[in-house]
Amino acid sequence: MRSSRCPEARDPTTDLIIMASSDSDLAPVLDEVVLIDQAKMETASWYDPVTRVDRALRGSATRTWNTRLNRTHFEAARDLTVY
């Protein structure tokens, strides 16, 4: 079965896929990328150390590297350009 949910995962030139989302509808895509095992899969999510709220995207049966981003990271990445 060939799925079109993440065609990049089947591309031999792709070595890393990063998903920055807390949308649980994307969990099947995460599982599929891990199952294909062509590219590494990582996720990024916002994390509040005060409330300890972690909205990391998680697959059903896999452990995926997740980078927690806080307000300092957010401020450092903001694009203040007026377009």
C-alpha atoms as a PDB file:
ATOM      1  CA  MET A   1       0.000   0.000   0.000  1.00  0.00           C
ATOM      2  CA  ARG A   2       1.409   3.371  -0.993  1.00  0.00           C
ATOM      3  CA  SER A   3       0.022   6.327   0.901  1.00  0.00           C
ATOM      4  CA  SER A   4       0.192   9.966  -0.107  1.00  0.00           C
ATOM      5  CA  ARG A   5       0.008  11.260   3.465  1.00  0.00           C
ATOM      6  CA  CYS A   6       3.727  12.014   3.512  1.00  0.00           C
ATOM      7  CA  PRO A   7       5.401  11.318   0.154  1.00  0.00           C
ATOM      8  CA  GLU A   8       8.630  12.890   1.430  1.00  0.00           C
ATOM      9  CA  ALA A   9       9.015   9.931   3.787  1.00  0.00           C
ATOM     10  CA  ARG A  10       9.517   7.634   0.779  1.00  0.00           C
ATOM     11  CA  ASP A  11      12.032   9.911  -0.953  1.00  0.00           C
ATOM     12  CA  PRO A  12      15.522   8.419  -0.515  1.00  0.00           C
ATOM     13  CA  THR A  13      17.035  11.921  -0.479  1.00  0.00           C
ATOM     14  CA  THR A  14      15.012  12.873   2.625  1.00  0.00           C
ATOM     15  CA  ASP A  15      16.865  12.020   5.805  1.00  0.00           C
ATOM     16  CA  LEU A  16      14.824  13.923   8.399  1.00  0.00           C
ATOM     17  CA  ILE A  17      11.180  14.943   8.722  1.00  0.00           C
ATOM     18  CA  ILE A  18      10.200  17.436  11.407  1.00  0.00           C
ATOM     19  CA  MET A  19       6.569  17.947  12.353  1.00  0.00           C
ATOM     20  CA  ALA A  20       5.840  21.069  14.378  1.00  0.00           C
ATOM     21  CA  SER A  21       2.238  20.614  15.396  1.00  0.00           C
ATOM     22  CA  SER A  22       0.019  19.534  18.248  1.00  0.00           C
ATOM     23  CA  ASP A  23      -2.762  18.486  15.873  1.00  0.00           C
ATOM     24  CA  SER A  24      -3.602  14.912  16.859  1.00  0.00           C
ATOM     25  CA  ASP A  25      -5.047  14.315  13.361  1.00  0.00           C
ATOM     26  CA  LEU A  26      -1.420  14.110  12.197  1.00  0.00           C
ATOM     27  CA  ALA A  27      -0.563  11.188  14.498  1.00  0.00           C
ATOM     28  CA  PRO A  28      -1.254   8.605  11.724  1.00  0.00           C
ATOM     29  CA  VAL A  29       1.233  10.421   9.491  1.00  0.00           C
ATOM     30  CA  LEU A  30       3.831  10.249  12.244  1.00  0.00           C
ATOM     31  CA  ASP A  31       3.202   6.500  12.608  1.00  0.00           C
ATOM     32  CA  GLU A  32       3.470   5.999   8.852  1.00  0.00           C
ATOM     33  CA  VAL A  33       6.787   7.848   8.603  1.00  0.00           C
ATOM     34  CA  VAL A  34       8.219   5.723  11.418  1.00  0.00           C
ATOM     35  CA  LEU A  35       6.877   2.537   9.791  1.00  0.00           C
ATOM     36  CA  ILE A  36       8.409   3.395   6.402  1.00  0.00           C
ATOM     37  CA  ASP A  37      11.762   3.817   8.195  1.00  0.00           C
ATOM     38  CA  GLN A  38      13.322   5.767   5.310  1.00  0.00           C
ATOM     39  CA  ALA A  39      13.850   9.028   7.238  1.00  0.00           C
ATOM     40  CA  LYS A  40      14.209   9.994  10.873  1.00  0.00           C
ATOM     41  CA  MET A  41      11.115  11.515  12.420  1.00  0.00           C
ATOM     42  CA  GLU A  42      11.207  14.351  14.935  1.00  0.00           C
ATOM     43  CA  THR A  43       8.541  16.605  16.384  1.00  0.00           C
ATOM     44  CA  ALA A  44       8.611  20.046  17.951  1.00  0.00           C
ATOM     45  CA  SER A  45       6.057  21.448  20.360  1.00  0.00           C
ATOM     46  CA  TRP A  46       5.419  24.400  22.637  1.00  0.00           C
ATOM     47  CA  TYR A  47       6.060  23.705  26.293  1.00  0.00           C
ATOM     48  CA  ASP A  48       5.206  25.836  29.295  1.00  0.00           C
ATOM     49  CA  PRO A  49       7.587  24.964  32.163  1.00  0.00           C
ATOM     50  CA  VAL A  50       5.358  26.743  34.700  1.00  0.00           C
ATOM     51  CA  THR A  51       2.205  24.752  33.970  1.00  0.00           C
ATOM     52  CA  ARG A  52       4.125  21.778  32.547  1.00  0.00           C
ATOM     53  CA  VAL A  53       1.680  21.655  29.667  1.00  0.00           C
ATOM     54  CA  ASP A  54       3.224  19.622  26.855  1.00  0.00           C
ATOM     55  CA  ARG A  55       1.353  19.478  23.566  1.00  0.00           C
ATOM     56  CA  ALA A  56       3.752  17.132  21.806  1.00  0.00           C
ATOM     57  CA  LEU A  57       2.388  15.180  18.881  1.00  0.00           C
ATOM     58  CA  ARG A  58       2.594  11.479  19.650  1.00  0.00           C
ATOM     59  CA  GLY A  59       2.034   8.438  17.508  1.00  0.00           C
ATOM     60  CA  SER A  60       0.193   5.343  18.614  1.00  0.00           C
ATOM     61  CA  ALA A  61       3.031   2.893  19.141  1.00  0.00           C
ATOM     62  CA  THR A  62       6.215   4.825  18.576  1.00  0.00           C
ATOM     63  CA  ARG A  63       8.623   6.941  20.540  1.00  0.00           C
ATOM     64  CA  THR A  64       9.684   9.970  18.574  1.00  0.00           C
ATOM     65  CA  TRP A  65      12.249  12.605  19.473  1.00  0.00           C
ATOM     66  CA  ASN A  66      10.450  15.792  20.508  1.00  0.00           C
ATOM     67  CA  THR A  67      12.052  19.195  20.996  1.00  0.00           C
ATOM     68  CA  ARG A  68      10.249  21.365  23.516  1.00  0.00           C
ATOM     69  CA  LEU A  69      10.110  25.037  22.616  1.00  0.00           C
ATOM     70  CA  ASN A  70       9.321  27.726  25.173  1.00  0.00           C
ATOM     71  CA  ARG A  71       8.570  31.467  25.044  1.00  0.00           C
ATOM     72  CA  THR A  72      12.274  32.322  24.709  1.00  0.00           C
ATOM     73  CA  HIS A  73      12.504  30.136  21.598  1.00  0.00           C
ATOM     74  CA  PHE A  74       9.305  31.673  20.229  1.00  0.00           C
ATOM     75  CA  GLU A  75      10.568  35.229  20.703  1.00  0.00           C
ATOM     76  CA  ALA A  76      13.933  34.371  19.128  1.00  0.00           C
ATOM     77  CA  ALA A  77      12.220  32.905  16.048  1.00  0.00           C
ATOM     78  CA  ARG A  78       9.668  35.693  15.472  1.00  0.00           C
ATOM     79  CA  ASP A  79       9.845  37.440  12.126  1.00  0.00           C
ATOM     80  CA  LEU A  80       9.232  41.130  12.854  1.00  0.00           C
ATOM     81  CA  THR A  81       9.437  42.128   9.199  1.00  0.00           C
ATOM     82  CA  VAL A  82       6.462  44.141   7.982  1.00  0.00           C
ATOM     83  CA  TYR A  83       5.458  42.595   4.661  1.00  0.00           C
END
